[in-house]
Every structure is written in C-alpha cells, then in structure tokens.
C-alpha cells in the first residue's frame, strides 16, 4: 500500500499540450489568410488571363421567360445578341463606345467623329 501512495505522489511527465495547440492555431490562421487572399485575387480578376482578342459579355438584360439580350465583345467588335432556349440571333453590330472627349465634342457641336 505504501508503494501505491508513493507512486501517486510522484509527478508524471505527460505531454505538454500548450505548444502544439498554439502551433496548430497559428498554422490554421496562416491557411485561412492564404485562402482569403486567393479568394480576393480571384474576385478582382488578378489571376485570370486577360487577352485583348477574347470573348467577353459586357452586359445582359433578361426579357422574361428564359429570353435575354446580351452585348458581347468579340475580337474588337460589339454584338447585340438575342438569346432564347433554342437559338442565338444576331440583332445588330454596335459601334464601339465613344471616348469621353468624342462625346463632349458631339454634345457641344464641335465636330468630332460621328
């Protein structure tokens, strides 16, 4: 019996859990920060390849039951397309958007490209 009491009083060297917990929390914080930064870069389009001759949807307008009008930029051209569930139709080709200087010149009647 005295042997059991002696064993109970001796300190037992167990694992120290504090450093691994802090290390794990720090690693989790680093991983979450990297994921947040990657999400921000994807949302801002910093990781997407941008080419000047690609295809891009400038704007879309829903007209009702699965029908819409879409302005698409294709290789320097702007097209107004009508979309239905069964087909895509070219409505018209649009002029390139005017620069601010051209718009001011036309509004004031000072000439400029038409």
PDB file of N, CA and C in Angstrom:
ATOM      1  N   UNK A   1       0.820  -1.193   0.000  1.00  0.00           N
ATOM      2  CA  UNK A   1       0.000   0.000   0.000  1.00  0.00           C
ATOM      3  C   UNK A   1       0.867   1.261   0.000  1.00  0.00           C
ATOM      4  N   UNK A   2       1.928   1.239   0.699  1.00  0.00           N
ATOM      5  CA  UNK A   2       2.812   2.390   0.718  1.00  0.00           C
ATOM      6  C   UNK A   2       3.447   2.610  -0.654  1.00  0.00           C
ATOM      7  N   UNK A   3       3.570   1.524  -1.401  1.00  0.00           N
ATOM      8  CA  UNK A   3       4.117   1.655  -2.741  1.00  0.00           C
ATOM      9  C   UNK A   3       3.142   2.404  -3.651  1.00  0.00           C
ATOM     10  N   UNK A   4       1.843   2.132  -3.518  1.00  0.00           N
ATOM     11  CA  UNK A   4       0.837   2.844  -4.310  1.00  0.00           C
ATOM     12  C   UNK A   4       0.778   4.318  -3.951  1.00  0.00           C
ATOM     13  N   UNK A   5       0.895   4.630  -2.661  1.00  0.00           N
ATOM     14  CA  UNK A   5       0.898   6.032  -2.248  1.00  0.00           C
ATOM     15  C   UNK A   5       2.139   6.745  -2.764  1.00  0.00           C
ATOM     16  N   UNK A   6       3.244   6.061  -2.772  1.00  0.00           N
ATOM     17  CA  UNK A   6       4.478   6.668  -3.270  1.00  0.00           C
ATOM     18  C   UNK A   6       4.383   6.923  -4.767  1.00  0.00           C
ATOM     19  N   UNK A   7       3.763   5.994  -5.515  1.00  0.00           N
ATOM     20  CA  UNK A   7       3.593   6.192  -6.956  1.00  0.00           C
ATOM     21  C   UNK A   7       2.609   7.312  -7.258  1.00  0.00           C
ATOM     22  N   UNK A   8       1.597   7.466  -6.416  1.00  0.00           N
ATOM     23  CA  UNK A   8       0.602   8.513  -6.637  1.00  0.00           C
ATOM     24  C   UNK A   8       1.181   9.895  -6.407  1.00  0.00           C
ATOM     25  N   UNK A   9       2.170  10.013  -5.520  1.00  0.00           N
ATOM     26  CA  UNK A   9       2.754  11.317  -5.217  1.00  0.00           C
ATOM     27  C   UNK A   9       3.838  11.733  -6.201  1.00  0.00           C
ATOM     28  N   UNK A  10       4.366  10.799  -6.959  1.00  0.00           N
ATOM     29  CA  UNK A  10       5.428  11.167  -7.891  1.00  0.00           C
ATOM     30  C   UNK A  10       4.822  11.851  -9.117  1.00  0.00           C
ATOM     31  N   UNK A  11       5.424  12.951  -9.543  1.00  0.00           N
ATOM     32  CA  UNK A  11       4.911  13.644 -10.730  1.00  0.00           C
ATOM     33  C   UNK A  11       5.127  12.809 -11.985  1.00  0.00           C
ATOM     34  N   UNK A  12       4.124  12.763 -12.786  1.00  0.00           N
ATOM     35  CA  UNK A  12       4.186  12.006 -14.028  1.00  0.00           C
ATOM     36  C   UNK A  12       4.463  12.989 -15.168  1.00  0.00           C
ATOM     37  N   UNK A  13       5.460  12.695 -15.957  1.00  0.00           N
ATOM     38  CA  UNK A  13       5.802  13.563 -17.083  1.00  0.00           C
ATOM     39  C   UNK A  13       4.882  13.227 -18.241  1.00  0.00           C
ATOM     40  N   UNK A  14       3.901  14.083 -18.478  1.00  0.00           N
ATOM     41  CA  UNK A  14       2.959  13.887 -19.572  1.00  0.00           C
ATOM     42  C   UNK A  14       3.272  14.833 -20.712  1.00  0.00           C
ATOM     43  N   UNK A  15       2.575  14.675 -21.785  1.00  0.00           N
ATOM     44  CA  UNK A  15       2.823  15.571 -22.938  1.00  0.00           C
ATOM     45  C   UNK A  15       2.362  16.983 -22.629  1.00  0.00           C
ATOM     46  N   UNK A  16       3.143  17.944 -23.090  1.00  0.00           N
ATOM     47  CA  UNK A  16       2.797  19.353 -22.919  1.00  0.00           C
ATOM     48  C   UNK A  16       1.944  19.762 -24.123  1.00  0.00           C
ATOM     49  N   UNK A  17       0.674  20.026 -23.888  1.00  0.00           N
ATOM     50  CA  UNK A  17      -0.253  20.292 -24.984  1.00  0.00           C
ATOM     51  C   UNK A  17      -0.282  21.747 -25.421  1.00  0.00           C
ATOM     52  N   UNK A  18       0.243  22.634 -24.638  1.00  0.00           N
ATOM     53  CA  UNK A  18       0.138  24.056 -24.969  1.00  0.00           C
ATOM     54  C   UNK A  18       0.893  24.419 -26.250  1.00  0.00           C
ATOM     55  N   UNK A  19       2.161  24.052 -26.416  1.00  0.00           N
ATOM     56  CA  UNK A  19       2.829  24.453 -27.661  1.00  0.00           C
ATOM     57  C   UNK A  19       2.194  23.889 -28.928  1.00  0.00           C
ATOM     58  N   UNK A  20       1.797  22.601 -28.987  1.00  0.00           N
ATOM     59  CA  UNK A  20       1.168  22.126 -30.226  1.00  0.00           C
ATOM     60  C   UNK A  20      -0.166  22.821 -30.527  1.00  0.00           C
ATOM     61  N   UNK A  21      -0.917  23.206 -29.488  1.00  0.00           N
ATOM     62  CA  UNK A  21      -2.185  23.896 -29.716  1.00  0.00           C
ATOM     63  C   UNK A  21      -1.932  25.267 -30.337  1.00  0.00           C
ATOM     64  N   UNK A  22      -0.958  26.009 -29.800  1.00  0.00           N
ATOM     65  CA  UNK A  22      -0.658  27.329 -30.356  1.00  0.00           C
ATOM     66  C   UNK A  22      -0.103  27.210 -31.771  1.00  0.00           C
ATOM     67  N   UNK A  23       0.733  26.209 -31.979  1.00  0.00           N
ATOM     68  CA  UNK A  23       1.299  25.998 -33.309  1.00  0.00           C
ATOM     69  C   UNK A  23       0.188  25.648 -34.306  1.00  0.00           C
ATOM     70  N   UNK A  24      -0.759  24.830 -33.884  1.00  0.00           N
ATOM     71  CA  UNK A  24      -1.876  24.445 -34.756  1.00  0.00           C
ATOM     72  C   UNK A  24      -2.763  25.641 -35.066  1.00  0.00           C
ATOM     73  N   UNK A  25      -3.062  26.456 -34.053  1.00  0.00           N
ATOM     74  CA  UNK A  25      -3.883  27.652 -34.286  1.00  0.00           C
ATOM     75  C   UNK A  25      -3.184  28.634 -35.221  1.00  0.00           C
ATOM     76  N   UNK A  26      -1.871  28.792 -35.058  1.00  0.00           N
ATOM     77  CA  UNK A  26      -1.130  29.683 -35.945  1.00  0.00           C
ATOM     78  C   UNK A  26      -1.141  29.163 -37.381  1.00  0.00           C
ATOM     79  N   UNK A  27      -0.954  27.860 -37.561  1.00  0.00           N
ATOM     80  CA  UNK A  27      -0.979  27.268 -38.904  1.00  0.00           C
ATOM     81  C   UNK A  27      -2.366  27.425 -39.523  1.00  0.00           C
ATOM     82  N   UNK A  28      -3.419  27.249 -38.726  1.00  0.00           N
ATOM     83  CA  UNK A  28      -4.785  27.435 -39.228  1.00  0.00           C
ATOM     84  C   UNK A  28      -5.021  28.881 -39.641  1.00  0.00           C
ATOM     85  N   UNK A  29      -4.520  29.824 -38.866  1.00  0.00           N
ATOM     86  CA  UNK A  29      -4.652  31.240 -39.207  1.00  0.00           C
ATOM     87  C   UNK A  29      -3.923  31.560 -40.515  1.00  0.00           C
ATOM     88  N   UNK A  30      -2.746  30.994 -40.708  1.00  0.00           N
ATOM     89  CA  UNK A  30      -1.993  31.226 -41.947  1.00  0.00           C
ATOM     90  C   UNK A  30      -2.747  30.659 -43.144  1.00  0.00           C
ATOM     91  N   UNK A  31      -3.280  29.452 -43.012  1.00  0.00           N
ATOM     92  CA  UNK A  31      -4.002  28.824 -44.125  1.00  0.00           C
ATOM     93  C   UNK A  31      -5.269  29.613 -44.456  1.00  0.00           C
ATOM     94  N   UNK A  32      -6.012  30.038 -43.440  1.00  0.00           N
ATOM     95  CA  UNK A  32      -7.227  30.828 -43.690  1.00  0.00           C
ATOM     96  C   UNK A  32      -6.893  32.171 -44.322  1.00  0.00           C
ATOM     97  N   UNK A  33      -5.791  32.783 -43.925  1.00  0.00           N
ATOM     98  CA  UNK A  33      -5.380  34.057 -44.537  1.00  0.00           C
ATOM     99  C   UNK A  33      -5.012  33.858 -46.005  1.00  0.00           C
ATOM    100  N   UNK A  34      -4.309  32.774 -46.302  1.00  0.00           N
ATOM    101  CA  UNK A  34      -3.961  32.493 -47.698  1.00  0.00           C
ATOM    102  C   UNK A  34      -5.202  32.241 -48.543  1.00  0.00           C
ATOM    103  N   UNK A  35      -6.180  31.524 -47.997  1.00  0.00           N
ATOM    104  CA  UNK A  35      -7.424  31.286 -48.732  1.00  0.00           C
ATOM    105  C   UNK A  35      -8.191  32.580 -48.959  1.00  0.00           C
ATOM    106  N   UNK A  36      -8.233  33.446 -47.955  1.00  0.00           N
ATOM    107  CA  UNK A  36      -8.921  34.732 -48.116  1.00  0.00           C
ATOM    108  C   UNK A  36      -8.225  35.585 -49.176  1.00  0.00           C
ATOM    109  N   UNK A  37      -6.898  35.607 -49.168  1.00  0.00           N
ATOM    110  CA  UNK A  37      -6.157  36.366 -50.173  1.00  0.00           C
ATOM    111  C   UNK A  37      -6.368  35.817 -51.575  1.00  0.00           C
ATOM    112  N   UNK A  38      -6.386  34.506 -51.713  1.00  0.00           N
ATOM    113  CA  UNK A  38      -6.635  33.891 -53.013  1.00  0.00           C
ATOM    114  C   UNK A  38      -8.046  34.193 -53.506  1.00  0.00           C
ATOM    115  N   UNK A  39      -9.020  34.143 -52.623  1.00  0.00           N
ATOM    116  CA  UNK A  39     -10.396  34.489 -52.997  1.00  0.00           C
ATOM    117  C   UNK A  39     -10.511  35.933 -53.438  1.00  0.00           C
ATOM    118  N   UNK A  40      -9.818  36.834 -52.740  1.00  0.00           N
ATOM    119  CA  UNK A  40      -9.853  38.248 -53.118  1.00  0.00           C
ATOM    120  C   UNK A  40      -9.231  38.438 -54.494  1.00  0.00           C
ATOM    121  N   UNK A  41      -8.096  37.754 -54.752  1.00  0.00           N
ATOM    122  CA  UNK A  41      -7.440  37.889 -56.053  1.00  0.00           C
ATOM    123  C   UNK A  41      -8.307  37.318 -57.176  1.00  0.00           C
ATOM    124  N   UNK A  42      -8.992  36.226 -56.923  1.00  0.00           N
ATOM    125  CA  UNK A  42      -9.876  35.668 -57.950  1.00  0.00           C
ATOM    126  C   UNK A  42     -11.047  36.594 -58.217  1.00  0.00           C
ATOM    127  N   UNK A  43     -11.601  37.180 -57.159  1.00  0.00           N
ATOM    128  CA  UNK A  43     -12.742  38.082 -57.333  1.00  0.00           C
ATOM    129  C   UNK A  43     -12.335  39.339 -58.096  1.00  0.00           C
ATOM    130  N   UNK A  44     -11.137  39.839 -57.849  1.00  0.00           N
ATOM    131  CA  UNK A  44     -10.654  41.039 -58.537  1.00  0.00           C
ATOM    132  C   UNK A  44     -10.170  40.732 -59.948  1.00  0.00           C
ATOM    133  N   UNK A  45     -10.059  39.463 -60.289  1.00  0.00           N
ATOM    134  CA  UNK A  45      -9.627  39.091 -61.631  1.00  0.00           C
ATOM    135  C   UNK A  45      -8.131  39.171 -61.829  1.00  0.00           C
ATOM    136  N   UNK A  46      -7.369  39.213 -60.741  1.00  0.00           N
ATOM    137  CA  UNK A  46      -5.927  39.329 -60.873  1.00  0.00           C
ATOM    138  C   UNK A  46      -5.280  38.041 -61.354  1.00  0.00           C
ATOM    139  N   UNK A  47      -5.928  36.905 -61.132  1.00  0.00           N
ATOM    140  CA  UNK A  47      -5.355  35.638 -61.558  1.00  0.00           C
ATOM    141  C   UNK A  47      -5.875  35.191 -62.922  1.00  0.00           C
ATOM    142  N   UNK A  48      -6.918  35.830 -63.405  1.00  0.00           N
ATOM    143  CA  UNK A  48      -7.495  35.429 -64.692  1.00  0.00           C
ATOM    144  C   UNK A  48      -6.641  35.987 -65.823  1.00  0.00           C
ATOM    145  N   UNK A  49      -6.490  35.195 -66.848  1.00  0.00           N
ATOM    146  CA  UNK A  49      -5.766  35.674 -68.028  1.00  0.00           C
ATOM    147  C   UNK A  49      -6.669  36.596 -68.811  1.00  0.00           C
ATOM    148  N   UNK A  50      -6.099  37.709 -69.160  1.00  0.00           N
ATOM    149  CA  UNK A  50      -6.865  38.667 -69.952  1.00  0.00           C
ATOM    150  C   UNK A  50      -6.190  38.816 -71.302  1.00  0.00           C
ATOM    151  N   UNK A  51      -6.943  38.553 -72.344  1.00  0.00           N
ATOM    152  CA  UNK A  51      -6.394  38.743 -73.685  1.00  0.00           C
ATOM    153  C   UNK A  51      -7.274  39.748 -74.414  1.00  0.00           C
ATOM    154  N   UNK A  52      -6.664  40.565 -75.255  1.00  0.00           N
ATOM    155  CA  UNK A  52      -7.397  41.597 -75.957  1.00  0.00           C
ATOM    156  C   UNK A  52      -8.296  41.062 -77.050  1.00  0.00           C
ATOM    157  N   UNK A  53      -8.131  39.820 -77.460  1.00  0.00           N
ATOM    158  CA  UNK A  53      -8.928  39.310 -78.573  1.00  0.00           C
ATOM    159  C   UNK A  53      -9.880  38.211 -78.136  1.00  0.00           C
ATOM    160  N   UNK A  54     -10.181  38.140 -76.873  1.00  0.00           N
ATOM    161  CA  UNK A  54     -11.049  37.087 -76.373  1.00  0.00           C
ATOM    162  C   UNK A  54     -12.520  37.439 -76.511  1.00  0.00           C
ATOM    163  N   UNK A  55     -13.290  36.691 -75.819  1.00  0.00           N
ATOM    164  CA  UNK A  55     -14.739  36.853 -75.820  1.00  0.00           C
ATOM    165  C   UNK A  55     -15.155  37.346 -74.457  1.00  0.00           C
ATOM    166  N   UNK A  56     -16.013  38.358 -74.405  1.00  0.00           N
ATOM    167  CA  UNK A  56     -16.464  38.887 -73.120  1.00  0.00           C
ATOM    168  C   UNK A  56     -17.888  39.386 -73.205  1.00  0.00           C
ATOM    169  N   UNK A  57     -18.648  39.101 -72.170  1.00  0.00           N
ATOM    170  CA  UNK A  57     -20.018  39.606 -72.079  1.00  0.00           C
ATOM    171  C   UNK A  57     -19.963  40.946 -71.361  1.00  0.00           C
ATOM    172  N   UNK A  58     -20.381  42.012 -72.043  1.00  0.00           N
ATOM    173  CA  UNK A  58     -20.357  43.342 -71.437  1.00  0.00           C
ATOM    174  C   UNK A  58     -21.554  43.548 -70.530  1.00  0.00           C
ATOM    175  N   UNK A  59     -22.742  43.170 -71.011  1.00  0.00           N
ATOM    176  CA  UNK A  59     -23.949  43.330 -70.206  1.00  0.00           C
ATOM    177  C   UNK A  59     -25.021  42.377 -70.721  1.00  0.00           C
ATOM    178  N   UNK A  60     -25.980  42.094 -69.867  1.00  0.00           N
ATOM    179  CA  UNK A  60     -27.089  41.215 -70.244  1.00  0.00           C
ATOM    180  C   UNK A  60     -28.371  41.768 -69.639  1.00  0.00           C
ATOM    181  N   UNK A  61     -29.457  41.614 -70.372  1.00  0.00           N
ATOM    182  CA  UNK A  61     -30.770  42.082 -69.930  1.00  0.00           C
ATOM    183  C   UNK A  61     -31.773  40.950 -70.080  1.00  0.00           C
ATOM    184  N   UNK A  62     -32.342  40.519 -68.978  1.00  0.00           N
ATOM    185  CA  UNK A  62     -33.346  39.458 -69.022  1.00  0.00           C
ATOM    186  C   UNK A  62     -34.667  40.046 -69.505  1.00  0.00           C
ATOM    187  N   UNK A  63     -35.292  39.370 -70.468  1.00  0.00           N
ATOM    188  CA  UNK A  63     -36.553  39.849 -71.038  1.00  0.00           C
ATOM    189  C   UNK A  63     -37.753  39.044 -70.558  1.00  0.00           C
ATOM    190  N   UNK A  64     -37.533  38.062 -69.795  1.00  0.00           N
ATOM    191  CA  UNK A  64     -38.632  37.228 -69.331  1.00  0.00           C
ATOM    192  C   UNK A  64     -38.250  35.774 -69.406  1.00  0.00           C
ATOM    193  N   UNK A  65     -39.208  34.954 -69.578  1.00  0.00           N
ATOM    194  CA  UNK A  65     -39.088  33.504 -69.530  1.00  0.00           C
ATOM    195  C   UNK A  65     -37.938  32.969 -70.388  1.00  0.00           C
ATOM    196  N   UNK A  66     -36.728  32.905 -69.811  1.00  0.00           N
ATOM    197  CA  UNK A  66     -35.531  32.357 -70.448  1.00  0.00           C
ATOM    198  C   UNK A  66     -35.174  33.023 -71.773  1.00  0.00           C
ATOM    199  N   UNK A  67     -35.432  34.304 -71.874  1.00  0.00           N
ATOM    200  CA  UNK A  67     -35.052  35.085 -73.048  1.00  0.00           C
ATOM    201  C   UNK A  67     -34.271  36.309 -72.570  1.00  0.00           C
ATOM    202  N   UNK A  68     -33.258  36.692 -73.344  1.00  0.00           N
ATOM    203  CA  UNK A  68     -32.459  37.837 -72.921  1.00  0.00           C
ATOM    204  C   UNK A  68     -31.752  38.464 -74.112  1.00  0.00           C
ATOM    205  N   UNK A  69     -31.305  39.698 -73.898  1.00  0.00           N
ATOM    206  CA  UNK A  69     -30.450  40.416 -74.837  1.00  0.00           C
ATOM    207  C   UNK A  69     -29.082  40.531 -74.177  1.00  0.00           C
ATOM    208  N   UNK A  70     -28.030  40.317 -74.969  1.00  0.00           N
ATOM    209  CA  UNK A  70     -26.677  40.315 -74.430  1.00  0.00           C
ATOM    210  C   UNK A  70     -25.786  41.115 -75.369  1.00  0.00           C
ATOM    211  N   UNK A  71     -24.953  41.975 -74.805  1.00  0.00           N
ATOM    212  CA  UNK A  71     -23.920  42.657 -75.590  1.00  0.00           C
ATOM    213  C   UNK A  71     -22.618  41.910 -75.343  1.00  0.00           C
ATOM    214  N   UNK A  72     -22.035  41.416 -76.445  1.00  0.00           N
ATOM    215  CA  UNK A  72     -20.829  40.595 -76.381  1.00  0.00           C
ATOM    216  C   UNK A  72     -19.717  41.298 -77.146  1.00  0.00           C
ATOM    217  N   UNK A  73     -18.521  41.320 -76.571  1.00  0.00           N
ATOM    218  CA  UNK A  73     -17.340  41.858 -77.257  1.00  0.00           C
ATOM    219  C   UNK A  73     -16.540  40.676 -77.790  1.00  0.00           C
ATOM    220  N   UNK A  74     -16.338  40.664 -79.120  1.00  0.00           N
ATOM    221  CA  UNK A  74     -15.611  39.577 -79.770  1.00  0.00           C
ATOM    222  C   UNK A  74     -14.580  40.186 -80.703  1.00  0.00           C
ATOM    223  N   UNK A  75     -13.299  39.974 -80.426  1.00  0.00           N
ATOM    224  CA  UNK A  75     -12.208  40.424 -81.284  1.00  0.00           C
ATOM    225  C   UNK A  75     -12.379  41.875 -81.736  1.00  0.00           C
ATOM    226  N   UNK A  76     -12.686  42.756 -80.799  1.00  0.00           N
ATOM    227  CA  UNK A  76     -12.803  44.172 -81.106  1.00  0.00           C
ATOM    228  C   UNK A  76     -14.158  44.593 -81.632  1.00  0.00           C
ATOM    229  N   UNK A  77     -15.070  43.680 -81.826  1.00  0.00           N
ATOM    230  CA  UNK A  77     -16.423  44.008 -82.295  1.00  0.00           C
ATOM    231  C   UNK A  77     -17.397  43.869 -81.133  1.00  0.00           C
ATOM    232  N   UNK A  78     -18.459  44.676 -81.160  1.00  0.00           N
ATOM    233  CA  UNK A  78     -19.517  44.585 -80.145  1.00  0.00           C
ATOM    234  C   UNK A  78     -20.795  44.132 -80.831  1.00  0.00           C
ATOM    235  N   UNK A  79     -21.365  43.037 -80.360  1.00  0.00           N
ATOM    236  CA  UNK A  79     -22.553  42.459 -80.972  1.00  0.00           C
ATOM    237  C   UNK A  79     -23.694  42.430 -79.966  1.00  0.00           C
ATOM    238  N   UNK A  80     -24.892  42.785 -80.439  1.00  0.00           N
ATOM    239  CA  UNK A  80     -26.097  42.641 -79.634  1.00  0.00           C
ATOM    240  C   UNK A  80     -26.758  41.342 -80.063  1.00  0.00           C
ATOM    241  N   UNK A  81     -26.849  40.391 -79.128  1.00  0.00           N
ATOM    242  CA  UNK A  81     -27.396  39.070 -79.423  1.00  0.00           C
ATOM    243  C   UNK A  81     -28.705  38.868 -78.682  1.00  0.00           C
ATOM    244  N   UNK A  82     -29.643  38.207 -79.351  1.00  0.00           N
ATOM    245  CA  UNK A  82     -30.875  37.777 -78.707  1.00  0.00           C
ATOM    246  C   UNK A  82     -30.771  36.299 -78.386  1.00  0.00           C
ATOM    247  N   UNK A  83     -31.021  35.939 -77.131  1.00  0.00           N
ATOM    248  CA  UNK A  83     -30.890  34.553 -76.692  1.00  0.00           C
ATOM    249  C   UNK A  83     -32.235  33.982 -76.286  1.00  0.00           C
ATOM    250  N   UNK A  84     -32.536  32.798 -76.786  1.00  0.00           N
ATOM    251  CA  UNK A  84     -33.704  32.027 -76.372  1.00  0.00           C
ATOM    252  C   UNK A  84     -33.206  30.633 -76.012  1.00  0.00           C
ATOM    253  N   UNK A  85     -34.054  29.795 -75.451  1.00  0.00           N
ATOM    254  CA  UNK A  85     -33.596  28.446 -75.111  1.00  0.00           C
ATOM    255  C   UNK A  85     -33.135  27.630 -76.319  1.00  0.00           C
ATOM    256  N   UNK A  86     -33.634  27.951 -77.505  1.00  0.00           N
ATOM    257  CA  UNK A  86     -33.304  27.129 -78.664  1.00  0.00           C
ATOM    258  C   UNK A  86     -32.379  27.788 -79.672  1.00  0.00           C
ATOM    259  N   UNK A  87     -32.111  29.092 -79.548  1.00  0.00           N
ATOM    260  CA  UNK A  87     -31.248  29.726 -80.550  1.00  0.00           C
ATOM    261  C   UNK A  87     -30.615  31.005 -80.032  1.00  0.00           C
ATOM    262  N   UNK A  88     -29.571  31.416 -80.779  1.00  0.00           N
ATOM    263  CA  UNK A  88     -28.882  32.684 -80.562  1.00  0.00           C
ATOM    264  C   UNK A  88     -28.975  33.457 -81.861  1.00  0.00           C
ATOM    265  N   UNK A  89     -29.480  34.703 -81.797  1.00  0.00           N
ATOM    266  CA  UNK A  89     -29.658  35.503 -83.017  1.00  0.00           C
ATOM    267  C   UNK A  89     -28.883  36.804 -82.899  1.00  0.00           C
ATOM    268  N   UNK A  90     -28.231  37.188 -83.994  1.00  0.00           N
ATOM    269  CA  UNK A  90     -27.562  38.476 -84.045  1.00  0.00           C
ATOM    270  C   UNK A  90     -28.617  39.544 -84.314  1.00  0.00           C
ATOM    271  N   UNK A  91     -28.752  40.479 -83.390  1.00  0.00           N
ATOM    272  CA  UNK A  91     -29.710  41.576 -83.574  1.00  0.00           C
ATOM    273  C   UNK A  91     -29.049  42.677 -84.385  1.00  0.00           C
ATOM    274  N   UNK A  92     -27.864  43.125 -83.959  1.00  0.00           N
ATOM    275  CA  UNK A  92     -27.136  44.152 -84.693  1.00  0.00           C
ATOM    276  C   UNK A  92     -25.698  44.200 -84.201  1.00  0.00           C
ATOM    277  N   UNK A  93     -24.845  44.807 -84.995  1.00  0.00           N
ATOM    278  CA  UNK A  93     -23.483  45.084 -84.542  1.00  0.00           C
ATOM    279  C   UNK A  93     -23.463  46.521 -84.058  1.00  0.00           C
ATOM    280  N   UNK A  94     -22.944  46.733 -82.874  1.00  0.00           N
ATOM    281  CA  UNK A  94     -22.930  48.058 -82.263  1.00  0.00           C
ATOM    282  C   UNK A  94     -21.626  48.776 -82.569  1.00  0.00           C
ATOM    283  N   UNK A  95     -21.702  50.097 -82.570  1.00  0.00           N
ATOM    284  CA  UNK A  95     -20.488  50.897 -82.737  1.00  0.00           C
ATOM    285  C   UNK A  95     -19.644  50.767 -81.474  1.00  0.00           C
ATOM    286  N   UNK A  96     -18.335  50.923 -81.607  1.00  0.00           N
ATOM    287  CA  UNK A  96     -17.504  50.923 -80.395  1.00  0.00           C
ATOM    288  C   UNK A  96     -17.902  52.090 -79.504  1.00  0.00           C
ATOM    289  N   UNK A  97     -17.787  51.939 -78.214  1.00  0.00           N
ATOM    290  CA  UNK A  97     -18.163  53.040 -77.335  1.00  0.00           C
ATOM    291  C   UNK A  97     -17.284  54.253 -77.588  1.00  0.00           C
ATOM    292  N   UNK A  98     -17.892  55.427 -77.548  1.00  0.00           N
ATOM    293  CA  UNK A  98     -17.164  56.668 -77.802  1.00  0.00           C
ATOM    294  C   UNK A  98     -16.334  57.027 -76.570  1.00  0.00           C
ATOM    295  N   UNK A  99     -15.224  57.692 -76.824  1.00  0.00           N
ATOM    296  CA  UNK A  99     -14.417  58.177 -75.709  1.00  0.00           C
ATOM    297  C   UNK A  99     -15.116  59.396 -75.105  1.00  0.00           C
ATOM    298  N   UNK A 100     -14.703  59.793 -73.943  1.00  0.00           N
ATOM    299  CA  UNK A 100     -15.304  60.941 -73.268  1.00  0.00           C
ATOM    300  C   UNK A 100     -15.106  62.207 -74.092  1.00  0.00           C
ATOM    301  N   UNK A 101     -13.923  62.369 -74.678  1.00  0.00           N
ATOM    302  CA  UNK A 101     -13.644  63.559 -75.494  1.00  0.00           C
ATOM    303  C   UNK A 101     -14.552  63.611 -76.722  1.00  0.00           C
ATOM    304  N   UNK A 102     -14.782  62.452 -77.360  1.00  0.00           N
ATOM    305  CA  UNK A 102     -15.676  62.422 -78.524  1.00  0.00           C
ATOM    306  C   UNK A 102     -17.103  62.767 -78.123  1.00  0.00           C
ATOM    307  N   UNK A 103     -17.553  62.269 -77.003  1.00  0.00           N
ATOM    308  CA  UNK A 103     -18.907  62.561 -76.545  1.00  0.00           C
ATOM    309  C   UNK A 103     -19.080  64.048 -76.238  1.00  0.00           C
ATOM    310  N   UNK A 104     -18.085  64.669 -75.629  1.00  0.00           N
ATOM    311  CA  UNK A 104     -18.149  66.114 -75.331  1.00  0.00           C
ATOM    312  C   UNK A 104     -18.152  66.901 -76.637  1.00  0.00           C
ATOM    313  N   UNK A 105     -17.312  66.502 -77.588  1.00  0.00           N
ATOM    314  CA  UNK A 105     -17.251  67.221 -78.869  1.00  0.00           C
ATOM    315  C   UNK A 105     -18.585  67.138 -79.597  1.00  0.00           C
ATOM    316  N   UNK A 106     -19.212  65.975 -79.573  1.00  0.00           N
ATOM    317  CA  UNK A 106     -20.535  65.840 -80.234  1.00  0.00           C
ATOM    318  C   UNK A 106     -21.602  66.634 -79.493  1.00  0.00           C
ATOM    319  N   UNK A 107     -21.539  66.658 -78.189  1.00  0.00           N
ATOM    320  CA  UNK A 107     -22.564  67.364 -77.394  1.00  0.00           C
ATOM    321  C   UNK A 107     -22.447  68.878 -77.553  1.00  0.00           C
ATOM    322  N   UNK A 108     -21.249  69.367 -77.720  1.00  0.00           N
ATOM    323  CA  UNK A 108     -21.074  70.818 -77.863  1.00  0.00           C
ATOM    324  C   UNK A 108     -21.120  71.268 -79.313  1.00  0.00           C
ATOM    325  N   UNK A 109     -21.194  70.301 -80.233  1.00  0.00           N
ATOM    326  CA  UNK A 109     -21.314  70.646 -81.636  1.00  0.00           C
ATOM    327  C   UNK A 109     -19.984  71.055 -82.269  1.00  0.00           C
ATOM    328  N   UNK A 110     -18.894  70.625 -81.663  1.00  0.00           N
ATOM    329  CA  UNK A 110     -17.560  70.985 -82.199  1.00  0.00           C
ATOM    330  C   UNK A 110     -17.022  69.941 -83.137  1.00  0.00           C
ATOM    331  N   UNK A 111     -17.883  69.157 -83.731  1.00  0.00           N
ATOM    332  CA  UNK A 111     -17.414  68.160 -84.689  1.00  0.00           C
ATOM    333  C   UNK A 111     -17.051  66.876 -83.989  1.00  0.00           C
ATOM    334  N   UNK A 112     -15.962  66.297 -84.412  1.00  0.00           N
ATOM    335  CA  UNK A 112     -15.552  65.011 -83.841  1.00  0.00           C
ATOM    336  C   UNK A 112     -16.133  63.884 -84.662  1.00  0.00           C
ATOM    337  N   UNK A 113     -15.700  62.669 -84.409  1.00  0.00           N
ATOM    338  CA  UNK A 113     -16.204  61.539 -85.176  1.00  0.00           C
ATOM    339  C   UNK A 113     -17.665  61.277 -84.880  1.00  0.00           C
ATOM    340  N   UNK A 114     -18.369  60.819 -85.890  1.00  0.00           N
ATOM    341  CA  UNK A 114     -19.805  60.592 -85.680  1.00  0.00           C
ATOM    342  C   UNK A 114     -20.105  59.124 -85.539  1.00  0.00           C
TER     343      UNK A 114
END
